[in-house]
Amino acid sequence: MIFKVLYQTSAETTPKRETTESLYLEAETKEDAIQLVENNTDYNIEFVEPLEGKALEYEQQSVNYKLTTF
């Protein structure tokens, strides 16, 4: 399944909507997606959203859509 992970690049700063970034990755479960990000980055995860169907199609049309691999 594809997940969209919203995060801040630093866990030491206060999260702001304006500085929230996102990445897309493939994992079996939401927990697996969280573990992948936590084990491979210093990002402060805000939200993890599973994408499927129309939501996935919509995100795939974005110029920013790229699957991240660790």
N, C-alpha and C. Protein backbone atom coordinates (compact mmCIF):
# COMPACT_ATOMS: atom_id res chain seq x y z
N MET A 1 0.84 -1.17 0.00
CA MET A 1 0.00 0.00 0.00
C MET A 1 0.89 1.24 0.00
N ILE A 2 0.42 2.29 -0.60
CA ILE A 2 1.14 3.57 -0.65
C ILE A 2 0.66 4.45 0.50
N PHE A 3 1.63 5.10 1.17
CA PHE A 3 1.31 6.00 2.27
C PHE A 3 1.90 7.38 2.00
N LYS A 4 1.17 8.40 2.38
CA LYS A 4 1.66 9.77 2.33
C LYS A 4 2.02 10.16 3.76
N VAL A 5 3.27 10.56 3.95
CA VAL A 5 3.76 10.91 5.27
C VAL A 5 4.01 12.41 5.31
N LEU A 6 3.33 13.08 6.22
CA LEU A 6 3.54 14.51 6.43
C LEU A 6 4.50 14.66 7.60
N TYR A 7 5.51 15.53 7.43
CA TYR A 7 6.55 15.62 8.45
C TYR A 7 7.19 16.99 8.49
N GLN A 8 7.91 17.23 9.57
CA GLN A 8 8.79 18.38 9.71
C GLN A 8 10.22 17.84 9.60
N THR A 9 11.11 18.62 9.02
CA THR A 9 12.47 18.13 8.82
C THR A 9 13.27 18.07 10.11
N SER A 10 12.82 18.78 11.14
CA SER A 10 13.54 18.77 12.41
C SER A 10 12.57 18.51 13.56
N ALA A 11 12.94 17.60 14.43
CA ALA A 11 12.12 17.30 15.60
C ALA A 11 12.32 18.34 16.70
N GLU A 12 13.30 19.22 16.51
CA GLU A 12 13.63 20.19 17.55
C GLU A 12 12.88 21.52 17.41
N THR A 13 12.22 21.75 16.29
CA THR A 13 11.49 22.99 16.11
C THR A 13 10.00 22.74 16.24
N THR A 14 9.28 23.79 16.56
CA THR A 14 7.83 23.70 16.68
C THR A 14 7.22 23.50 15.30
N PRO A 15 6.35 22.49 15.14
CA PRO A 15 5.74 22.26 13.82
C PRO A 15 4.89 23.45 13.37
N LYS A 16 5.03 23.80 12.10
CA LYS A 16 4.23 24.84 11.47
C LYS A 16 3.70 24.29 10.15
N ARG A 17 2.47 24.60 9.86
CA ARG A 17 1.86 24.12 8.62
C ARG A 17 2.68 24.57 7.41
N GLU A 18 3.23 25.76 7.47
CA GLU A 18 3.96 26.30 6.32
C GLU A 18 5.25 25.54 6.03
N THR A 19 5.78 24.83 7.02
CA THR A 19 7.03 24.11 6.81
C THR A 19 6.83 22.59 6.74
N THR A 20 5.58 22.15 6.72
CA THR A 20 5.30 20.73 6.61
C THR A 20 5.64 20.24 5.20
N GLU A 21 6.34 19.12 5.15
CA GLU A 21 6.68 18.51 3.87
C GLU A 21 6.05 17.13 3.80
N SER A 22 6.09 16.52 2.64
CA SER A 22 5.49 15.20 2.50
C SER A 22 6.38 14.29 1.66
N LEU A 23 6.22 13.00 1.90
CA LEU A 23 6.86 11.99 1.08
C LEU A 23 5.88 10.84 0.91
N TYR A 24 6.13 10.04 -0.09
CA TYR A 24 5.27 8.90 -0.39
C TYR A 24 6.14 7.65 -0.32
N LEU A 25 5.60 6.61 0.31
CA LEU A 25 6.34 5.37 0.36
C LEU A 25 5.41 4.17 0.36
N GLU A 26 5.98 3.04 0.00
CA GLU A 26 5.21 1.80 -0.05
C GLU A 26 5.58 0.96 1.16
N ALA A 27 4.55 0.48 1.87
CA ALA A 27 4.75 -0.38 3.04
C ALA A 27 3.52 -1.26 3.21
N GLU A 28 3.67 -2.31 4.00
CA GLU A 28 2.57 -3.23 4.25
C GLU A 28 1.49 -2.59 5.12
N THR A 29 1.92 -1.89 6.19
CA THR A 29 0.98 -1.29 7.14
C THR A 29 1.42 0.13 7.48
N LYS A 30 0.52 0.85 8.13
CA LYS A 30 0.84 2.21 8.58
C LYS A 30 2.01 2.17 9.56
N GLU A 31 2.01 1.19 10.45
CA GLU A 31 3.09 1.05 11.43
C GLU A 31 4.43 0.80 10.74
N ASP A 32 4.42 -0.01 9.69
CA ASP A 32 5.64 -0.26 8.92
C ASP A 32 6.14 1.02 8.27
N ALA A 33 5.23 1.83 7.75
CA ALA A 33 5.60 3.10 7.13
C ALA A 33 6.25 4.03 8.16
N ILE A 34 5.66 4.10 9.33
CA ILE A 34 6.22 4.94 10.40
C ILE A 34 7.63 4.45 10.77
N GLN A 35 7.80 3.14 10.93
CA GLN A 35 9.10 2.59 11.28
C GLN A 35 10.15 2.87 10.21
N LEU A 36 9.77 2.77 8.95
CA LEU A 36 10.71 3.08 7.87
C LEU A 36 11.23 4.51 7.97
N VAL A 37 10.32 5.45 8.19
CA VAL A 37 10.72 6.85 8.28
C VAL A 37 11.55 7.09 9.54
N GLU A 38 11.09 6.56 10.67
CA GLU A 38 11.82 6.77 11.92
C GLU A 38 13.21 6.15 11.90
N ASN A 39 13.37 4.99 11.27
CA ASN A 39 14.66 4.31 11.24
C ASN A 39 15.65 4.92 10.25
N ASN A 40 15.14 5.68 9.28
CA ASN A 40 16.02 6.18 8.22
C ASN A 40 16.16 7.69 8.16
N THR A 41 15.43 8.42 9.00
CA THR A 41 15.50 9.89 8.98
C THR A 41 15.41 10.44 10.40
N ASP A 42 15.60 11.74 10.51
CA ASP A 42 15.39 12.45 11.78
C ASP A 42 14.11 13.26 11.71
N TYR A 43 13.23 12.94 10.81
CA TYR A 43 12.00 13.70 10.61
C TYR A 43 11.06 13.56 11.79
N ASN A 44 10.30 14.62 12.03
CA ASN A 44 9.24 14.63 13.03
C ASN A 44 7.93 14.35 12.28
N ILE A 45 7.44 13.12 12.38
CA ILE A 45 6.24 12.71 11.65
C ILE A 45 5.01 13.35 12.27
N GLU A 46 4.21 13.99 11.44
CA GLU A 46 2.97 14.60 11.90
C GLU A 46 1.76 13.71 11.63
N PHE A 47 1.72 13.11 10.44
CA PHE A 47 0.53 12.36 10.04
C PHE A 47 0.91 11.37 8.95
N VAL A 48 0.31 10.19 8.98
CA VAL A 48 0.52 9.18 7.95
C VAL A 48 -0.84 8.80 7.40
N GLU A 49 -0.99 8.93 6.09
CA GLU A 49 -2.28 8.68 5.44
C GLU A 49 -2.14 7.59 4.38
N PRO A 50 -2.94 6.52 4.49
CA PRO A 50 -2.92 5.52 3.43
C PRO A 50 -3.63 6.08 2.18
N LEU A 51 -3.06 5.79 1.02
CA LEU A 51 -3.65 6.26 -0.23
C LEU A 51 -4.07 5.08 -1.08
N GLU A 52 -5.29 5.15 -1.59
CA GLU A 52 -5.78 4.14 -2.51
C GLU A 52 -6.90 4.74 -3.34
N GLY A 53 -7.22 4.08 -4.42
CA GLY A 53 -8.33 4.52 -5.28
C GLY A 53 -8.13 5.92 -5.84
N LYS A 54 -9.17 6.72 -5.79
CA LYS A 54 -9.16 8.08 -6.36
C LYS A 54 -8.14 8.98 -5.66
N ALA A 55 -7.96 8.81 -4.35
CA ALA A 55 -6.99 9.64 -3.63
C ALA A 55 -5.58 9.38 -4.13
N LEU A 56 -5.25 8.11 -4.37
CA LEU A 56 -3.93 7.76 -4.90
C LEU A 56 -3.77 8.30 -6.32
N GLU A 57 -4.78 8.15 -7.15
CA GLU A 57 -4.74 8.67 -8.52
C GLU A 57 -4.49 10.17 -8.52
N TYR A 58 -5.17 10.88 -7.63
CA TYR A 58 -5.02 12.33 -7.53
C TYR A 58 -3.58 12.69 -7.15
N GLU A 59 -3.04 12.03 -6.14
CA GLU A 59 -1.67 12.33 -5.69
C GLU A 59 -0.66 11.99 -6.78
N GLN A 60 -0.88 10.93 -7.54
CA GLN A 60 0.05 10.53 -8.59
C GLN A 60 0.12 11.55 -9.72
N GLN A 61 -0.89 12.38 -9.86
CA GLN A 61 -0.89 13.41 -10.90
C GLN A 61 -0.05 14.63 -10.50
N SER A 62 0.30 14.73 -9.24
CA SER A 62 1.09 15.86 -8.75
C SER A 62 2.53 15.76 -9.25
N VAL A 63 3.13 16.91 -9.54
CA VAL A 63 4.53 16.92 -9.96
C VAL A 63 5.45 16.52 -8.81
N ASN A 64 4.97 16.60 -7.57
CA ASN A 64 5.78 16.27 -6.40
C ASN A 64 5.69 14.79 -6.03
N TYR A 65 4.88 14.02 -6.75
CA TYR A 65 4.71 12.60 -6.41
C TYR A 65 5.92 11.82 -6.85
N LYS A 66 6.58 11.18 -5.88
CA LYS A 66 7.71 10.30 -6.15
C LYS A 66 7.81 9.35 -4.98
N LEU A 67 7.84 8.05 -5.24
CA LEU A 67 7.98 7.08 -4.16
C LEU A 67 9.39 7.15 -3.57
N THR A 68 9.45 7.24 -2.26
CA THR A 68 10.73 7.26 -1.55
C THR A 68 11.10 5.84 -1.18
N THR A 69 12.36 5.50 -1.39
CA THR A 69 12.84 4.19 -0.97
C THR A 69 13.98 4.37 0.02
N PHE A 70 14.02 3.52 1.00
CA PHE A 70 15.09 3.57 2.01
C PHE A 70 15.94 2.33 1.91
